[in-house]
Amino acid sequence: MGEGFIPSTGALVTPIELTCNQKAYFIGKPNPLIMSHALKKFEGLSRSDVAIIGDNMDTDIVGGIEAEIETVLLLSGVTAKEDLHRYAYRPTYVVKGLGDLVD
């Protein structure tokens, strides 16, 4: 992707909100609604049967915590081990990478 200004979601949604005279409701990560909806798609599974696996404390792990689902932080991506002290919340598990979850 080239350098330059890339508008965020809010900049793209605001004109639509103003035109429709209604506020948008965002359901992307880390909204727990999207996690609950995904669980409903898998009949027979409950929150205790699944985990949110991700590399970002600000989206993946927050989403899991807010949805009351166990979380696994992969240190192979966005959040580094050295960053964990900055957060008031903690993932259920912390692993180096996805390979650590496989026997």
PDB file of N, CA and C in Angstrom:
ATOM      1  N   MET A   1       0.846  -1.174   0.000  1.00  0.00           N
ATOM      2  CA  MET A   1       0.000   0.000   0.000  1.00  0.00           C
ATOM      3  C   MET A   1       0.890   1.235   0.000  1.00  0.00           C
ATOM      4  N   GLY A   2       0.510   2.223  -0.759  1.00  0.00           N
ATOM      5  CA  GLY A   2       1.291   3.444  -0.841  1.00  0.00           C
ATOM      6  C   GLY A   2       1.204   4.271   0.424  1.00  0.00           C
ATOM      7  N   GLU A   3       2.110   5.202   0.535  1.00  0.00           N
ATOM      8  CA  GLU A   3       2.099   6.096   1.688  1.00  0.00           C
ATOM      9  C   GLU A   3       1.029   7.162   1.501  1.00  0.00           C
ATOM     10  N   GLY A   4       0.646   7.766   2.595  1.00  0.00           N
ATOM     11  CA  GLY A   4      -0.346   8.820   2.517  1.00  0.00           C
ATOM     12  C   GLY A   4      -1.448   8.612   3.531  1.00  0.00           C
ATOM     13  N   PHE A   5      -2.438   9.435   3.448  1.00  0.00           N
ATOM     14  CA  PHE A   5      -3.551   9.418   4.383  1.00  0.00           C
ATOM     15  C   PHE A   5      -4.530   8.296   4.042  1.00  0.00           C
ATOM     16  N   ILE A   6      -4.882   7.494   5.037  1.00  0.00           N
ATOM     17  CA  ILE A   6      -5.893   6.457   4.884  1.00  0.00           C
ATOM     18  C   ILE A   6      -6.989   6.748   5.912  1.00  0.00           C
ATOM     19  N   PRO A   7      -8.209   7.077   5.464  1.00  0.00           N
ATOM     20  CA  PRO A   7      -9.273   7.422   6.409  1.00  0.00           C
ATOM     21  C   PRO A   7      -9.691   6.218   7.257  1.00  0.00           C
ATOM     22  N   SER A   8     -10.035   6.487   8.491  1.00  0.00           N
ATOM     23  CA  SER A   8     -10.493   5.424   9.385  1.00  0.00           C
ATOM     24  C   SER A   8     -11.979   5.172   9.162  1.00  0.00           C
ATOM     25  N   THR A   9     -12.490   4.172   9.838  1.00  0.00           N
ATOM     26  CA  THR A   9     -13.897   3.797   9.705  1.00  0.00           C
ATOM     27  C   THR A   9     -14.821   4.969  10.000  1.00  0.00           C
ATOM     28  N   GLY A  10     -14.533   5.711  11.053  1.00  0.00           N
ATOM     29  CA  GLY A  10     -15.383   6.837  11.433  1.00  0.00           C
ATOM     30  C   GLY A  10     -15.510   7.869  10.326  1.00  0.00           C
ATOM     31  N   ALA A  11     -14.419   8.140   9.634  1.00  0.00           N
ATOM     32  CA  ALA A  11     -14.447   9.121   8.546  1.00  0.00           C
ATOM     33  C   ALA A  11     -15.311   8.640   7.390  1.00  0.00           C
ATOM     34  N   LEU A  12     -15.395   7.349   7.205  1.00  0.00           N
ATOM     35  CA  LEU A  12     -16.209   6.801   6.122  1.00  0.00           C
ATOM     36  C   LEU A  12     -17.675   6.660   6.513  1.00  0.00           C
ATOM     37  N   VAL A  13     -17.936   6.396   7.789  1.00  0.00           N
ATOM     38  CA  VAL A  13     -19.298   6.164   8.255  1.00  0.00           C
ATOM     39  C   VAL A  13     -20.040   7.465   8.557  1.00  0.00           C
ATOM     40  N   THR A  14     -19.345   8.473   9.022  1.00  0.00           N
ATOM     41  CA  THR A  14     -19.990   9.737   9.408  1.00  0.00           C
ATOM     42  C   THR A  14     -20.858  10.339   8.307  1.00  0.00           C
ATOM     43  N   PRO A  15     -20.409  10.417   7.061  1.00  0.00           N
ATOM     44  CA  PRO A  15     -21.296  10.968   6.020  1.00  0.00           C
ATOM     45  C   PRO A  15     -22.592  10.159   5.852  1.00  0.00           C
ATOM     46  N   ILE A  16     -22.503   8.849   6.006  1.00  0.00           N
ATOM     47  CA  ILE A  16     -23.695   8.000   5.897  1.00  0.00           C
ATOM     48  C   ILE A  16     -24.635   8.271   7.067  1.00  0.00           C
ATOM     49  N   GLU A  17     -24.060   8.380   8.279  1.00  0.00           N
ATOM     50  CA  GLU A  17     -24.880   8.691   9.455  1.00  0.00           C
ATOM     51  C   GLU A  17     -25.612  10.020   9.273  1.00  0.00           C
ATOM     52  N   LEU A  18     -24.899  11.025   8.792  1.00  0.00           N
ATOM     53  CA  LEU A  18     -25.504  12.346   8.598  1.00  0.00           C
ATOM     54  C   LEU A  18     -26.605  12.314   7.535  1.00  0.00           C
ATOM     55  N   THR A  19     -26.381  11.571   6.480  1.00  0.00           N
ATOM     56  CA  THR A  19     -27.369  11.458   5.411  1.00  0.00           C
ATOM     57  C   THR A  19     -28.629  10.731   5.880  1.00  0.00           C
ATOM     58  N   CYS A  20     -28.441   9.678   6.680  1.00  0.00           N
ATOM     59  CA  CYS A  20     -29.569   8.859   7.150  1.00  0.00           C
ATOM     60  C   CYS A  20     -30.172   9.374   8.456  1.00  0.00           C
ATOM     61  N   ASN A  21     -29.470  10.302   9.087  1.00  0.00           N
ATOM     62  CA  ASN A  21     -29.907  10.835  10.380  1.00  0.00           C
ATOM     63  C   ASN A  21     -30.028   9.734  11.439  1.00  0.00           C
ATOM     64  N   GLN A  22     -29.098   8.768  11.390  1.00  0.00           N
ATOM     65  CA  GLN A  22     -29.048   7.683  12.370  1.00  0.00           C
ATOM     66  C   GLN A  22     -27.607   7.354  12.691  1.00  0.00           C
ATOM     67  N   LYS A  23     -27.367   6.930  13.950  1.00  0.00           N
ATOM     68  CA  LYS A  23     -26.027   6.531  14.388  1.00  0.00           C
ATOM     69  C   LYS A  23     -25.768   5.086  13.986  1.00  0.00           C
ATOM     70  N   ALA A  24     -24.584   4.803  13.521  1.00  0.00           N
ATOM     71  CA  ALA A  24     -24.188   3.437  13.182  1.00  0.00           C
ATOM     72  C   ALA A  24     -23.850   2.663  14.450  1.00  0.00           C
ATOM     73  N   TYR A  25     -24.028   1.365  14.405  1.00  0.00           N
ATOM     74  CA  TYR A  25     -23.638   0.492  15.499  1.00  0.00           C
ATOM     75  C   TYR A  25     -22.556  -0.434  14.964  1.00  0.00           C
ATOM     76  N   PHE A  26     -21.347  -0.327  15.510  1.00  0.00           N
ATOM     77  CA  PHE A  26     -20.211  -1.118  15.052  1.00  0.00           C
ATOM     78  C   PHE A  26     -20.160  -2.448  15.794  1.00  0.00           C
ATOM     79  N   ILE A  27     -20.011  -3.549  15.040  1.00  0.00           N
ATOM     80  CA  ILE A  27     -19.963  -4.858  15.683  1.00  0.00           C
ATOM     81  C   ILE A  27     -18.676  -5.620  15.399  1.00  0.00           C
ATOM     82  N   GLY A  28     -17.661  -4.956  14.939  1.00  0.00           N
ATOM     83  CA  GLY A  28     -16.383  -5.626  14.697  1.00  0.00           C
ATOM     84  C   GLY A  28     -15.636  -5.873  15.993  1.00  0.00           C
ATOM     85  N   LYS A  29     -14.444  -6.486  15.871  1.00  0.00           N
ATOM     86  CA  LYS A  29     -13.627  -6.699  17.064  1.00  0.00           C
ATOM     87  C   LYS A  29     -13.385  -5.353  17.733  1.00  0.00           C
ATOM     88  N   PRO A  30     -13.483  -5.259  19.015  1.00  0.00           N
ATOM     89  CA  PRO A  30     -13.677  -6.306  20.008  1.00  0.00           C
ATOM     90  C   PRO A  30     -15.105  -6.410  20.552  1.00  0.00           C
ATOM     91  N   ASN A  31     -16.115  -6.117  19.796  1.00  0.00           N
ATOM     92  CA  ASN A  31     -17.490  -6.150  20.276  1.00  0.00           C
ATOM     93  C   ASN A  31     -17.918  -7.576  20.634  1.00  0.00           C
ATOM     94  N   PRO A  32     -18.389  -7.806  21.876  1.00  0.00           N
ATOM     95  CA  PRO A  32     -18.803  -9.144  22.294  1.00  0.00           C
ATOM     96  C   PRO A  32     -19.986  -9.694  21.491  1.00  0.00           C
ATOM     97  N   LEU A  33     -20.764  -8.820  20.876  1.00  0.00           N
ATOM     98  CA  LEU A  33     -21.905  -9.276  20.078  1.00  0.00           C
ATOM     99  C   LEU A  33     -21.453 -10.180  18.937  1.00  0.00           C
ATOM    100  N   ILE A  34     -20.351  -9.845  18.303  1.00  0.00           N
ATOM    101  CA  ILE A  34     -19.867 -10.662  17.196  1.00  0.00           C
ATOM    102  C   ILE A  34     -19.395 -12.032  17.703  1.00  0.00           C
ATOM    103  N   MET A  35     -18.839 -12.074  18.913  1.00  0.00           N
ATOM    104  CA  MET A  35     -18.410 -13.346  19.503  1.00  0.00           C
ATOM    105  C   MET A  35     -19.624 -14.218  19.831  1.00  0.00           C
ATOM    106  N   SER A  36     -20.661 -13.623  20.394  1.00  0.00           N
ATOM    107  CA  SER A  36     -21.887 -14.358  20.730  1.00  0.00           C
ATOM    108  C   SER A  36     -22.546 -14.896  19.473  1.00  0.00           C
ATOM    109  N   HIS A  37     -22.570 -14.096  18.425  1.00  0.00           N
ATOM    110  CA  HIS A  37     -23.165 -14.527  17.164  1.00  0.00           C
ATOM    111  C   HIS A  37     -22.395 -15.722  16.595  1.00  0.00           C
ATOM    112  N   ALA A  38     -21.081 -15.677  16.651  1.00  0.00           N
ATOM    113  CA  ALA A  38     -20.261 -16.784  16.159  1.00  0.00           C
ATOM    114  C   ALA A  38     -20.537 -18.054  16.949  1.00  0.00           C
ATOM    115  N   LEU A  39     -20.692 -17.941  18.259  1.00  0.00           N
ATOM    116  CA  LEU A  39     -20.989 -19.113  19.089  1.00  0.00           C
ATOM    117  C   LEU A  39     -22.319 -19.749  18.709  1.00  0.00           C
ATOM    118  N   LYS A  40     -23.303 -18.953  18.392  1.00  0.00           N
ATOM    119  CA  LYS A  40     -24.616 -19.480  18.003  1.00  0.00           C
ATOM    120  C   LYS A  40     -24.541 -20.300  16.721  1.00  0.00           C
ATOM    121  N   LYS A  41     -23.581 -19.995  15.873  1.00  0.00           N
ATOM    122  CA  LYS A  41     -23.420 -20.717  14.608  1.00  0.00           C
ATOM    123  C   LYS A  41     -22.940 -22.152  14.827  1.00  0.00           C
ATOM    124  N   PHE A  42     -22.292 -22.395  15.957  1.00  0.00           N
ATOM    125  CA  PHE A  42     -21.765 -23.725  16.259  1.00  0.00           C
ATOM    126  C   PHE A  42     -22.630 -24.357  17.342  1.00  0.00           C
ATOM    127  N   GLU A  43     -23.676 -25.045  16.922  1.00  0.00           N
ATOM    128  CA  GLU A  43     -24.615 -25.648  17.870  1.00  0.00           C
ATOM    129  C   GLU A  43     -23.880 -26.610  18.806  1.00  0.00           C
ATOM    130  N   GLY A  44     -24.242 -26.547  20.065  1.00  0.00           N
ATOM    131  CA  GLY A  44     -23.670 -27.447  21.058  1.00  0.00           C
ATOM    132  C   GLY A  44     -22.425 -26.915  21.741  1.00  0.00           C
ATOM    133  N   LEU A  45     -21.859 -25.822  21.244  1.00  0.00           N
ATOM    134  CA  LEU A  45     -20.678 -25.247  21.882  1.00  0.00           C
ATOM    135  C   LEU A  45     -21.092 -24.123  22.814  1.00  0.00           C
ATOM    136  N   SER A  46     -20.401 -24.043  23.937  1.00  0.00           N
ATOM    137  CA  SER A  46     -20.632 -22.936  24.866  1.00  0.00           C
ATOM    138  C   SER A  46     -19.338 -22.151  25.015  1.00  0.00           C
ATOM    139  N   ARG A  47     -19.403 -21.068  25.743  1.00  0.00           N
ATOM    140  CA  ARG A  47     -18.209 -20.239  25.962  1.00  0.00           C
ATOM    141  C   ARG A  47     -17.057 -21.040  26.570  1.00  0.00           C
ATOM    142  N   SER A  48     -17.386 -22.021  27.397  1.00  0.00           N
ATOM    143  CA  SER A  48     -16.340 -22.807  28.051  1.00  0.00           C
ATOM    144  C   SER A  48     -15.666 -23.798  27.097  1.00  0.00           C
ATOM    145  N   ASP A  49     -16.212 -23.972  25.892  1.00  0.00           N
ATOM    146  CA  ASP A  49     -15.652 -24.906  24.914  1.00  0.00           C
ATOM    147  C   ASP A  49     -14.690 -24.245  23.933  1.00  0.00           C
ATOM    148  N   VAL A  50     -14.634 -22.923  23.928  1.00  0.00           N
ATOM    149  CA  VAL A  50     -13.852 -22.217  22.916  1.00  0.00           C
ATOM    150  C   VAL A  50     -12.871 -21.236  23.552  1.00  0.00           C
ATOM    151  N   ALA A  51     -11.983 -20.733  22.734  1.00  0.00           N
ATOM    152  CA  ALA A  51     -11.042 -19.689  23.167  1.00  0.00           C
ATOM    153  C   ALA A  51     -10.820 -18.734  22.004  1.00  0.00           C
ATOM    154  N   ILE A  52     -10.556 -17.497  22.329  1.00  0.00           N
ATOM    155  CA  ILE A  52     -10.178 -16.507  21.332  1.00  0.00           C
ATOM    156  C   ILE A  52      -8.657 -16.514  21.256  1.00  0.00           C
ATOM    157  N   ILE A  53      -8.127 -16.760  20.076  1.00  0.00           N
ATOM    158  CA  ILE A  53      -6.682 -16.806  19.869  1.00  0.00           C
ATOM    159  C   ILE A  53      -6.301 -15.606  19.014  1.00  0.00           C
ATOM    160  N   GLY A  54      -5.389 -14.793  19.505  1.00  0.00           N
ATOM    161  CA  GLY A  54      -4.976 -13.634  18.728  1.00  0.00           C
ATOM    162  C   GLY A  54      -3.676 -13.049  19.207  1.00  0.00           C
ATOM    163  N   ASP A  55      -3.169 -12.086  18.435  1.00  0.00           N
ATOM    164  CA  ASP A  55      -1.871 -11.493  18.741  1.00  0.00           C
ATOM    165  C   ASP A  55      -1.964 -10.043  19.185  1.00  0.00           C
ATOM    166  N   ASN A  56      -3.185  -9.567  19.456  1.00  0.00           N
ATOM    167  CA  ASN A  56      -3.359  -8.153  19.773  1.00  0.00           C
ATOM    168  C   ASN A  56      -4.171  -7.985  21.056  1.00  0.00           C
ATOM    169  N   MET A  57      -3.552  -7.410  22.065  1.00  0.00           N
ATOM    170  CA  MET A  57      -4.230  -7.194  23.352  1.00  0.00           C
ATOM    171  C   MET A  57      -5.407  -6.234  23.210  1.00  0.00           C
ATOM    172  N   ASP A  58      -5.290  -5.256  22.303  1.00  0.00           N
ATOM    173  CA  ASP A  58      -6.305  -4.210  22.171  1.00  0.00           C
ATOM    174  C   ASP A  58      -7.552  -4.659  21.433  1.00  0.00           C
ATOM    175  N   THR A  59      -7.476  -5.728  20.672  1.00  0.00           N
ATOM    176  CA  THR A  59      -8.655  -6.191  19.932  1.00  0.00           C
ATOM    177  C   THR A  59      -9.008  -7.625  20.297  1.00  0.00           C
ATOM    178  N   ASP A  60      -8.137  -8.564  19.969  1.00  0.00           N
ATOM    179  CA  ASP A  60      -8.430  -9.975  20.176  1.00  0.00           C
ATOM    180  C   ASP A  60      -8.679 -10.320  21.644  1.00  0.00           C
ATOM    181  N   ILE A  61      -7.758  -9.920  22.492  1.00  0.00           N
ATOM    182  CA  ILE A  61      -7.857 -10.296  23.911  1.00  0.00           C
ATOM    183  C   ILE A  61      -8.986  -9.536  24.602  1.00  0.00           C
ATOM    184  N   VAL A  62      -9.145  -8.256  24.324  1.00  0.00           N
ATOM    185  CA  VAL A  62     -10.265  -7.494  24.882  1.00  0.00           C
ATOM    186  C   VAL A  62     -11.588  -8.113  24.448  1.00  0.00           C
ATOM    187  N   GLY A  63     -11.688  -8.482  23.170  1.00  0.00           N
ATOM    188  CA  GLY A  63     -12.914  -9.100  22.668  1.00  0.00           C
ATOM    189  C   GLY A  63     -13.262 -10.368  23.408  1.00  0.00           C
ATOM    190  N   GLY A  64     -12.274 -11.209  23.644  1.00  0.00           N
ATOM    191  CA  GLY A  64     -12.511 -12.451  24.392  1.00  0.00           C
ATOM    192  C   GLY A  64     -12.917 -12.191  25.829  1.00  0.00           C
ATOM    193  N   ILE A  65     -12.233 -11.278  26.480  1.00  0.00           N
ATOM    194  CA  ILE A  65     -12.544 -10.958  27.882  1.00  0.00           C
ATOM    195  C   ILE A  65     -13.948 -10.393  27.997  1.00  0.00           C
ATOM    196  N   GLU A  66     -14.311  -9.471  27.116  1.00  0.00           N
ATOM    197  CA  GLU A  66     -15.650  -8.875  27.170  1.00  0.00           C
ATOM    198  C   GLU A  66     -16.745  -9.881  26.838  1.00  0.00           C
ATOM    199  N   ALA A  67     -16.423 -10.889  26.038  1.00  0.00           N
ATOM    200  CA  ALA A  67     -17.393 -11.930  25.697  1.00  0.00           C
ATOM    201  C   ALA A  67     -17.361 -13.079  26.698  1.00  0.00           C
ATOM    202  N   GLU A  68     -16.504 -12.959  27.719  1.00  0.00           N
ATOM    203  CA  GLU A  68     -16.347 -13.984  28.762  1.00  0.00           C
ATOM    204  C   GLU A  68     -15.914 -15.327  28.179  1.00  0.00           C
ATOM    205  N   ILE A  69     -14.938 -15.241  27.249  1.00  0.00           N
ATOM    206  CA  ILE A  69     -14.353 -16.416  26.615  1.00  0.00           C
ATOM    207  C   ILE A  69     -12.862 -16.430  26.957  1.00  0.00           C
ATOM    208  N   GLU A  70     -12.311 -17.637  27.218  1.00  0.00           N
ATOM    209  CA  GLU A  70     -10.881 -17.724  27.506  1.00  0.00           C
ATOM    210  C   GLU A  70     -10.082 -17.166  26.331  1.00  0.00           C
ATOM    211  N   THR A  71      -8.921 -16.604  26.631  1.00  0.00           N
ATOM    212  CA  THR A  71      -8.109 -15.964  25.611  1.00  0.00           C
ATOM    213  C   THR A  71      -6.699 -16.541  25.567  1.00  0.00           C
ATOM    214  N   VAL A  72      -6.138 -16.571  24.372  1.00  0.00           N
ATOM    215  CA  VAL A  72      -4.763 -17.018  24.166  1.00  0.00           C
ATOM    216  C   VAL A  72      -4.051 -15.923  23.381  1.00  0.00           C
ATOM    217  N   LEU A  73      -3.043 -15.322  23.985  1.00  0.00           N
ATOM    218  CA  LEU A  73      -2.250 -14.298  23.315  1.00  0.00           C
ATOM    219  C   LEU A  73      -1.043 -14.947  22.657  1.00  0.00           C
ATOM    220  N   LEU A  74      -0.915 -14.718  21.347  1.00  0.00           N
ATOM    221  CA  LEU A  74       0.255 -15.182  20.603  1.00  0.00           C
ATOM    222  C   LEU A  74       1.279 -14.053  20.577  1.00  0.00           C
ATOM    223  N   LEU A  75       2.474 -14.332  21.034  1.00  0.00           N
ATOM    224  CA  LEU A  75       3.519 -13.312  21.068  1.00  0.00           C
ATOM    225  C   LEU A  75       4.234 -13.180  19.732  1.00  0.00           C
ATOM    226  N   SER A  76       3.689 -13.784  18.692  1.00  0.00           N
ATOM    227  CA  SER A  76       4.318 -13.750  17.367  1.00  0.00           C
ATOM    228  C   SER A  76       3.774 -12.629  16.488  1.00  0.00           C
ATOM    229  N   GLY A  77       3.021 -11.691  17.085  1.00  0.00           N
ATOM    230  CA  GLY A  77       2.402 -10.655  16.272  1.00  0.00           C
ATOM    231  C   GLY A  77       2.506  -9.269  16.867  1.00  0.00           C
ATOM    232  N   VAL A  78       1.376  -8.613  17.026  1.00  0.00           N
ATOM    233  CA  VAL A  78       1.311  -7.207  17.413  1.00  0.00           C
ATOM    234  C   VAL A  78       1.835  -6.941  18.821  1.00  0.00           C
ATOM    235  N   THR A  79       1.331  -7.675  19.813  1.00  0.00           N
ATOM    236  CA  THR A  79       1.695  -7.425  21.213  1.00  0.00           C
ATOM    237  C   THR A  79       2.914  -8.252  21.605  1.00  0.00           C
ATOM    238  N   ALA A  80       3.914  -7.608  22.167  1.00  0.00           N
ATOM    239  CA  ALA A  80       5.123  -8.285  22.636  1.00  0.00           C
ATOM    240  C   ALA A  80       5.021  -8.555  24.132  1.00  0.00           C
ATOM    241  N   LYS A  81       5.784  -9.512  24.605  1.00  0.00           N
ATOM    242  CA  LYS A  81       5.788  -9.856  26.026  1.00  0.00           C
ATOM    243  C   LYS A  81       6.120  -8.638  26.888  1.00  0.00           C
ATOM    244  N   GLU A  82       7.018  -7.800  26.399  1.00  0.00           N
ATOM    245  CA  GLU A  82       7.433  -6.611  27.137  1.00  0.00           C
ATOM    246  C   GLU A  82       6.290  -5.593  27.289  1.00  0.00           C
ATOM    247  N   ASP A  83       5.253  -5.708  26.469  1.00  0.00           N
ATOM    248  CA  ASP A  83       4.127  -4.774  26.512  1.00  0.00           C
ATOM    249  C   ASP A  83       3.061  -5.146  27.551  1.00  0.00           C
ATOM    250  N   LEU A  84       3.075  -6.378  28.015  1.00  0.00           N
ATOM    251  CA  LEU A  84       1.986  -6.874  28.870  1.00  0.00           C
ATOM    252  C   LEU A  84       1.788  -6.060  30.147  1.00  0.00           C
ATOM    253  N   HIS A  85       2.849  -5.522  30.707  1.00  0.00           N
ATOM    254  CA  HIS A  85       2.735  -4.755  31.957  1.00  0.00           C
ATOM    255  C   HIS A  85       1.890  -3.489  31.797  1.00  0.00           C
ATOM    256  N   ARG A  86       1.708  -3.018  30.562  1.00  0.00           N
ATOM    257  CA  ARG A  86       0.943  -1.800  30.312  1.00  0.00           C
ATOM    258  C   ARG A  86      -0.577  -2.007  30.407  1.00  0.00           C
ATOM    259  N   TYR A  87      -1.021  -3.246  30.434  1.00  0.00           N
ATOM    260  CA  TYR A  87      -2.457  -3.540  30.396  1.00  0.00           C
ATOM    261  C   TYR A  87      -2.990  -3.915  31.773  1.00  0.00           C
ATOM    262  N   ALA A  88      -4.194  -3.446  32.073  1.00  0.00           N
ATOM    263  CA  ALA A  88      -4.846  -3.750  33.355  1.00  0.00           C
ATOM    264  C   ALA A  88      -5.512  -5.121  33.323  1.00  0.00           C
ATOM    265  N   TYR A  89      -5.595  -5.734  32.158  1.00  0.00           N
ATOM    266  CA  TYR A  89      -6.220  -7.050  32.015  1.00  0.00           C
ATOM    267  C   TYR A  89      -5.183  -8.023  31.475  1.00  0.00           C
ATOM    268  N   ARG A  90      -5.465  -9.312  31.623  1.00  0.00           N
ATOM    269  CA  ARG A  90      -4.530 -10.344  31.212  1.00  0.00           C
ATOM    270  C   ARG A  90      -5.232 -11.415  30.396  1.00  0.00           C
ATOM    271  N   PRO A  91      -4.546 -11.966  29.392  1.00  0.00           N
ATOM    272  CA  PRO A  91      -5.108 -13.113  28.682  1.00  0.00           C
ATOM    273  C   PRO A  91      -5.071 -14.341  29.584  1.00  0.00           C
ATOM    274  N   THR A  92      -5.900 -15.322  29.275  1.00  0.00           N
ATOM    275  CA  THR A  92      -5.902 -16.564  30.048  1.00  0.00           C
ATOM    276  C   THR A  92      -4.567 -17.286  29.882  1.00  0.00           C
ATOM    277  N   TYR A  93      -4.075 -17.321  28.654  1.00  0.00           N
ATOM    278  CA  TYR A  93      -2.812 -17.985  28.334  1.00  0.00           C
ATOM    279  C   TYR A  93      -1.964 -17.077  27.441  1.00  0.00           C
ATOM    280  N   VAL A  94      -0.650 -17.224  27.550  1.00  0.00           N
ATOM    281  CA  VAL A  94       0.285 -16.500  26.685  1.00  0.00           C
ATOM    282  C   VAL A  94       1.242 -17.549  26.112  1.00  0.00           C
ATOM    283  N   VAL A  95       1.364 -17.584  24.779  1.00  0.00           N
ATOM    284  CA  VAL A  95       2.276 -18.516  24.123  1.00  0.00           C
ATOM    285  C   VAL A  95       3.112 -17.762  23.093  1.00  0.00           C
ATOM    286  N   LYS A  96       4.250 -18.354  22.722  1.00  0.00           N
ATOM    287  CA  LYS A  96       5.143 -17.722  21.750  1.00  0.00           C
ATOM    288  C   LYS A  96       4.510 -17.622  20.362  1.00  0.00           C
ATOM    289  N   GLY A  97       3.852 -18.696  19.950  1.00  0.00           N
ATOM    290  CA  GLY A  97       3.253 -18.718  18.620  1.00  0.00           C
ATOM    291  C   GLY A  97       2.208 -19.811  18.502  1.00  0.00           C
ATOM    292  N   LEU A  98       1.551 -19.855  17.379  1.00  0.00           N
ATOM    293  CA  LEU A  98       0.471 -20.815  17.157  1.00  0.00           C
ATOM    294  C   LEU A  98       0.951 -22.259  17.275  1.00  0.00           C
ATOM    295  N   GLY A  99       2.179 -22.505  16.889  1.00  0.00           N
ATOM    296  CA  GLY A  99       2.751 -23.854  16.983  1.00  0.00           C
ATOM    297  C   GLY A  99       2.781 -24.390  18.409  1.00  0.00           C
ATOM    298  N   ASP A 100       2.816 -23.504  19.398  1.00  0.00           N
ATOM    299  CA  ASP A 100       2.834 -23.942  20.797  1.00  0.00           C
ATOM    300  C   ASP A 100       1.497 -24.529  21.245  1.00  0.00           C
ATOM    301  N   LEU A 101       0.443 -24.345  20.462  1.00  0.00           N
ATOM    302  CA  LEU A 101      -0.876 -24.862  20.817  1.00  0.00           C
ATOM    303  C   LEU A 101      -1.130 -26.246  20.239  1.00  0.00           C
ATOM    304  N   VAL A 102      -0.220 -26.722  19.399  1.00  0.00           N
ATOM    305  CA  VAL A 102      -0.368 -28.001  18.727  1.00  0.00           C
ATOM    306  C   VAL A 102       0.554 -29.029  19.381  1.00  0.00           C
ATOM    307  N   ASP A 103       0.017 -30.217  19.611  1.00  0.00           N
ATOM    308  CA  ASP A 103       0.854 -31.284  20.198  1.00  0.00           C
ATOM    309  C   ASP A 103       1.883 -31.783  19.228  1.00  0.00           C
TER     310      ASP A 103
END
